[in-house]
Amino acid sequence: MARQKVVNGVYYDLTAEEEAELDAQREAADLDLNHVRGQRDGQLRGSDWTQIGDAALGDHTAEEWAGYRQELRDIPQTYSRVSEVVWPNDPPTQAAIDAAAE
């Protein structure tokens, strides 16, 4: 099915050049990991508290949180495309997933 654009309420099929431009834009966006880095940095900031020596971690260990944070830091080296990124689960979320699978 051809992609279309709307001009003054009328639908037109995109030209081959317009299709190529959209494909190039999509490809460039998929290679731009800046948004991924921003999201990753936010998740790291949100879990900074887990690395404080006297943090109350509940049922999870500092090592579990450290591993999660390392996975976050490794994302830009692990993935080259936004569409391939698989976000790690924080320890409480992973524990809930594991418990539900049992």
N, C-alpha and C. Protein backbone atom coordinates (compact mmCIF):
# COMPACT_ATOMS: atom_id res chain seq x y z
N MET A 1 0.84 -1.17 0.00
CA MET A 1 0.00 0.00 0.00
C MET A 1 0.89 1.24 0.00
N ALA A 2 0.62 2.13 -0.89
CA ALA A 2 1.40 3.35 -1.03
C ALA A 2 1.12 4.31 0.11
N ARG A 3 2.17 4.98 0.56
CA ARG A 3 1.98 6.03 1.56
C ARG A 3 1.40 7.25 0.87
N GLN A 4 0.65 7.99 1.66
CA GLN A 4 -0.01 9.16 1.08
C GLN A 4 0.24 10.39 1.91
N LYS A 5 -0.01 11.53 1.29
CA LYS A 5 0.02 12.81 1.97
C LYS A 5 -1.30 13.50 1.69
N VAL A 6 -1.64 14.47 2.53
CA VAL A 6 -2.87 15.22 2.37
C VAL A 6 -2.51 16.67 2.08
N VAL A 7 -3.01 17.18 0.98
CA VAL A 7 -2.80 18.57 0.60
C VAL A 7 -4.17 19.19 0.38
N ASN A 8 -4.50 20.18 1.22
CA ASN A 8 -5.80 20.86 1.12
C ASN A 8 -6.96 19.87 1.12
N GLY A 9 -6.85 18.85 1.97
CA GLY A 9 -7.92 17.89 2.12
C GLY A 9 -7.97 16.82 1.04
N VAL A 10 -7.02 16.82 0.13
CA VAL A 10 -6.98 15.82 -0.95
C VAL A 10 -5.79 14.88 -0.71
N TYR A 11 -6.05 13.57 -0.82
CA TYR A 11 -5.00 12.57 -0.62
C TYR A 11 -4.25 12.33 -1.93
N TYR A 12 -2.91 12.30 -1.82
CA TYR A 12 -2.05 12.02 -2.96
C TYR A 12 -1.05 10.95 -2.56
N ASP A 13 -0.75 10.04 -3.50
CA ASP A 13 0.31 9.08 -3.26
C ASP A 13 1.64 9.81 -3.25
N LEU A 14 2.55 9.38 -2.40
CA LEU A 14 3.87 9.99 -2.37
C LEU A 14 4.65 9.61 -3.62
N THR A 15 5.48 10.54 -4.06
CA THR A 15 6.34 10.24 -5.21
C THR A 15 7.48 9.34 -4.74
N ALA A 16 8.20 8.76 -5.67
CA ALA A 16 9.34 7.92 -5.33
C ALA A 16 10.37 8.72 -4.53
N GLU A 17 10.56 9.97 -4.89
CA GLU A 17 11.52 10.82 -4.18
C GLU A 17 11.05 11.08 -2.74
N GLU A 18 9.76 11.33 -2.55
CA GLU A 18 9.22 11.55 -1.20
C GLU A 18 9.34 10.28 -0.36
N GLU A 19 9.07 9.12 -0.99
CA GLU A 19 9.22 7.84 -0.28
C GLU A 19 10.67 7.65 0.15
N ALA A 20 11.61 7.93 -0.75
CA ALA A 20 13.03 7.77 -0.44
C ALA A 20 13.45 8.71 0.68
N GLU A 21 12.94 9.94 0.67
CA GLU A 21 13.27 10.90 1.71
C GLU A 21 12.75 10.43 3.08
N LEU A 22 11.52 9.94 3.10
CA LEU A 22 10.97 9.42 4.35
C LEU A 22 11.76 8.22 4.86
N ASP A 23 12.14 7.34 3.95
CA ASP A 23 12.94 6.18 4.33
C ASP A 23 14.29 6.61 4.90
N ALA A 24 14.91 7.62 4.29
CA ALA A 24 16.20 8.12 4.77
C ALA A 24 16.05 8.75 6.15
N GLN A 25 14.98 9.49 6.35
CA GLN A 25 14.72 10.10 7.66
C GLN A 25 14.50 9.03 8.72
N ARG A 26 13.74 8.00 8.38
CA ARG A 26 13.48 6.91 9.31
C ARG A 26 14.79 6.20 9.67
N GLU A 27 15.62 5.95 8.68
CA GLU A 27 16.91 5.29 8.90
C GLU A 27 17.80 6.14 9.81
N ALA A 28 17.87 7.44 9.54
CA ALA A 28 18.68 8.33 10.36
C ALA A 28 18.18 8.36 11.80
N ALA A 29 16.86 8.39 11.98
CA ALA A 29 16.29 8.41 13.33
C ALA A 29 16.59 7.11 14.06
N ASP A 30 16.59 5.99 13.35
CA ASP A 30 16.87 4.70 13.97
C ASP A 30 18.33 4.59 14.41
N LEU A 31 19.21 5.33 13.78
CA LEU A 31 20.63 5.30 14.12
C LEU A 31 21.00 6.34 15.17
N ASP A 32 20.11 7.25 15.49
CA ASP A 32 20.38 8.33 16.45
C ASP A 32 20.03 7.88 17.86
N LEU A 33 21.04 7.51 18.62
CA LEU A 33 20.84 6.99 19.97
C LEU A 33 20.77 8.09 21.03
N ASN A 34 20.71 9.34 20.64
CA ASN A 34 20.66 10.42 21.63
C ASN A 34 19.46 10.31 22.55
N HIS A 35 18.30 9.99 22.01
CA HIS A 35 17.10 9.84 22.84
C HIS A 35 17.26 8.64 23.78
N VAL A 36 17.84 7.57 23.28
CA VAL A 36 18.08 6.38 24.10
C VAL A 36 19.02 6.73 25.25
N ARG A 37 20.08 7.48 24.95
CA ARG A 37 21.02 7.89 26.01
C ARG A 37 20.31 8.74 27.06
N GLY A 38 19.45 9.64 26.62
CA GLY A 38 18.70 10.47 27.55
C GLY A 38 17.80 9.65 28.45
N GLN A 39 17.11 8.68 27.88
CA GLN A 39 16.25 7.82 28.67
C GLN A 39 17.09 6.97 29.64
N ARG A 40 18.18 6.45 29.15
CA ARG A 40 19.09 5.66 29.98
C ARG A 40 19.62 6.49 31.15
N ASP A 41 20.04 7.72 30.86
CA ASP A 41 20.56 8.60 31.91
C ASP A 41 19.51 8.87 32.97
N GLY A 42 18.27 9.03 32.55
CA GLY A 42 17.17 9.22 33.50
C GLY A 42 16.97 8.01 34.39
N GLN A 43 17.07 6.83 33.81
CA GLN A 43 16.92 5.60 34.60
C GLN A 43 18.09 5.44 35.57
N LEU A 44 19.29 5.82 35.14
CA LEU A 44 20.43 5.77 36.05
C LEU A 44 20.26 6.75 37.20
N ARG A 45 19.84 7.98 36.89
CA ARG A 45 19.60 8.96 37.95
C ARG A 45 18.53 8.47 38.92
N GLY A 46 17.50 7.83 38.37
CA GLY A 46 16.42 7.32 39.21
C GLY A 46 16.83 6.19 40.12
N SER A 47 17.95 5.55 39.82
CA SER A 47 18.41 4.44 40.66
C SER A 47 19.72 4.77 41.38
N ASP A 48 20.16 6.02 41.31
CA ASP A 48 21.39 6.42 42.02
C ASP A 48 21.32 6.09 43.51
N TRP A 49 20.15 6.24 44.08
CA TRP A 49 19.99 6.02 45.52
C TRP A 49 20.37 4.61 45.95
N THR A 50 20.32 3.66 45.02
CA THR A 50 20.61 2.27 45.37
C THR A 50 22.09 2.04 45.64
N GLN A 51 22.94 2.98 45.24
CA GLN A 51 24.37 2.80 45.39
C GLN A 51 24.92 3.49 46.63
N ILE A 52 24.05 4.11 47.41
CA ILE A 52 24.46 4.72 48.67
C ILE A 52 24.61 3.61 49.69
N GLY A 53 25.66 3.67 50.48
CA GLY A 53 25.99 2.60 51.42
C GLY A 53 24.87 2.20 52.36
N ASP A 54 24.08 3.16 52.83
CA ASP A 54 23.03 2.83 53.80
C ASP A 54 21.63 2.86 53.19
N ALA A 55 21.53 2.66 51.88
CA ALA A 55 20.22 2.66 51.21
C ALA A 55 19.42 1.44 51.65
N ALA A 56 18.13 1.66 51.89
CA ALA A 56 17.23 0.56 52.23
C ALA A 56 16.73 -0.05 50.92
N LEU A 57 17.32 -1.16 50.54
CA LEU A 57 17.04 -1.77 49.25
C LEU A 57 15.89 -2.77 49.29
N GLY A 58 15.34 -3.03 50.42
CA GLY A 58 14.23 -3.98 50.50
C GLY A 58 14.71 -5.39 50.22
N ASP A 59 14.00 -6.08 49.33
CA ASP A 59 14.31 -7.48 49.04
C ASP A 59 15.46 -7.65 48.04
N HIS A 60 16.04 -6.58 47.59
CA HIS A 60 17.04 -6.67 46.52
C HIS A 60 18.39 -6.19 47.02
N THR A 61 19.44 -6.77 46.47
CA THR A 61 20.79 -6.47 46.93
C THR A 61 21.41 -5.32 46.14
N ALA A 62 22.44 -4.74 46.70
CA ALA A 62 23.19 -3.70 46.00
C ALA A 62 23.80 -4.27 44.73
N GLU A 63 24.18 -5.55 44.76
CA GLU A 63 24.77 -6.18 43.57
C GLU A 63 23.76 -6.30 42.44
N GLU A 64 22.50 -6.63 42.78
CA GLU A 64 21.46 -6.69 41.75
C GLU A 64 21.27 -5.33 41.10
N TRP A 65 21.23 -4.30 41.94
CA TRP A 65 21.06 -2.95 41.41
C TRP A 65 22.28 -2.52 40.60
N ALA A 66 23.47 -2.88 41.06
CA ALA A 66 24.69 -2.54 40.32
C ALA A 66 24.70 -3.22 38.96
N GLY A 67 24.26 -4.48 38.90
CA GLY A 67 24.17 -5.18 37.62
C GLY A 67 23.19 -4.53 36.66
N TYR A 68 22.04 -4.13 37.20
CA TYR A 68 21.03 -3.43 36.40
C TYR A 68 21.61 -2.13 35.85
N ARG A 69 22.29 -1.38 36.70
CA ARG A 69 22.86 -0.11 36.29
C ARG A 69 23.96 -0.31 35.24
N GLN A 70 24.73 -1.40 35.36
CA GLN A 70 25.76 -1.68 34.35
C GLN A 70 25.11 -2.00 33.01
N GLU A 71 24.03 -2.76 33.03
CA GLU A 71 23.31 -3.06 31.79
C GLU A 71 22.85 -1.76 31.13
N LEU A 72 22.35 -0.82 31.93
CA LEU A 72 21.93 0.47 31.38
C LEU A 72 23.12 1.20 30.75
N ARG A 73 24.24 1.22 31.46
CA ARG A 73 25.42 1.93 30.92
C ARG A 73 25.92 1.28 29.63
N ASP A 74 25.73 -0.03 29.48
CA ASP A 74 26.22 -0.74 28.30
C ASP A 74 25.34 -0.58 27.07
N ILE A 75 24.15 -0.04 27.21
CA ILE A 75 23.22 0.03 26.08
C ILE A 75 23.83 0.70 24.84
N PRO A 76 24.49 1.86 24.94
CA PRO A 76 25.03 2.47 23.71
C PRO A 76 26.10 1.63 23.02
N GLN A 77 26.82 0.80 23.78
CA GLN A 77 27.84 -0.06 23.17
C GLN A 77 27.24 -1.36 22.65
N THR A 78 26.10 -1.74 23.18
CA THR A 78 25.47 -3.01 22.82
C THR A 78 24.60 -2.89 21.57
N TYR A 79 23.94 -1.75 21.43
CA TYR A 79 22.98 -1.57 20.34
C TYR A 79 23.42 -0.43 19.43
N SER A 80 23.18 -0.58 18.14
CA SER A 80 23.52 0.47 17.20
C SER A 80 22.27 1.12 16.60
N ARG A 81 21.10 0.57 16.91
CA ARG A 81 19.85 1.10 16.38
C ARG A 81 18.83 1.23 17.51
N VAL A 82 18.06 2.30 17.46
CA VAL A 82 17.01 2.52 18.45
C VAL A 82 16.03 1.35 18.44
N SER A 83 15.70 0.86 17.27
CA SER A 83 14.70 -0.20 17.13
C SER A 83 15.15 -1.53 17.73
N GLU A 84 16.45 -1.68 18.03
CA GLU A 84 16.96 -2.94 18.57
C GLU A 84 17.09 -2.92 20.10
N VAL A 85 16.99 -1.75 20.71
CA VAL A 85 17.25 -1.62 22.15
C VAL A 85 16.24 -2.43 22.96
N VAL A 86 16.77 -3.23 23.88
CA VAL A 86 15.97 -3.97 24.84
C VAL A 86 16.37 -3.45 26.21
N TRP A 87 15.43 -2.81 26.88
CA TRP A 87 15.71 -2.22 28.17
C TRP A 87 15.71 -3.28 29.26
N PRO A 88 16.71 -3.24 30.15
CA PRO A 88 16.72 -4.20 31.26
C PRO A 88 15.64 -3.83 32.27
N ASN A 89 15.18 -4.81 33.00
CA ASN A 89 14.22 -4.57 34.07
C ASN A 89 14.97 -4.29 35.36
N ASP A 90 14.45 -3.34 36.13
CA ASP A 90 15.06 -3.11 37.44
C ASP A 90 14.78 -4.33 38.32
N PRO A 91 15.54 -4.52 39.40
CA PRO A 91 15.38 -5.73 40.22
C PRO A 91 13.95 -6.00 40.71
N PRO A 92 13.20 -5.01 41.22
CA PRO A 92 11.83 -5.33 41.64
C PRO A 92 10.94 -5.79 40.49
N THR A 93 11.08 -5.16 39.34
CA THR A 93 10.27 -5.56 38.18
C THR A 93 10.64 -6.96 37.73
N GLN A 94 11.95 -7.23 37.68
CA GLN A 94 12.40 -8.56 37.25
C GLN A 94 11.93 -9.63 38.21
N ALA A 95 11.94 -9.33 39.51
CA ALA A 95 11.46 -10.30 40.50
C ALA A 95 9.99 -10.59 40.30
N ALA A 96 9.20 -9.57 40.00
CA ALA A 96 7.77 -9.77 39.76
C ALA A 96 7.53 -10.61 38.50
N ILE A 97 8.32 -10.38 37.46
CA ILE A 97 8.20 -11.16 36.23
C ILE A 97 8.57 -12.62 36.50
N ASP A 98 9.66 -12.82 37.24
CA ASP A 98 10.10 -14.18 37.56
C ASP A 98 9.07 -14.91 38.40
N ALA A 99 8.47 -14.20 39.37
CA ALA A 99 7.45 -14.81 40.24
C ALA A 99 6.20 -15.19 39.44
N ALA A 100 5.83 -14.35 38.48
CA ALA A 100 4.65 -14.63 37.68
C ALA A 100 4.87 -15.82 36.74
N ALA A 101 6.13 -16.03 36.36
CA ALA A 101 6.45 -17.14 35.44
C ALA A 101 6.48 -18.48 36.16
N GLU A 102 6.57 -18.46 37.48
CA GLU A 102 6.65 -19.72 38.23
C GLU A 102 5.31 -20.37 38.39
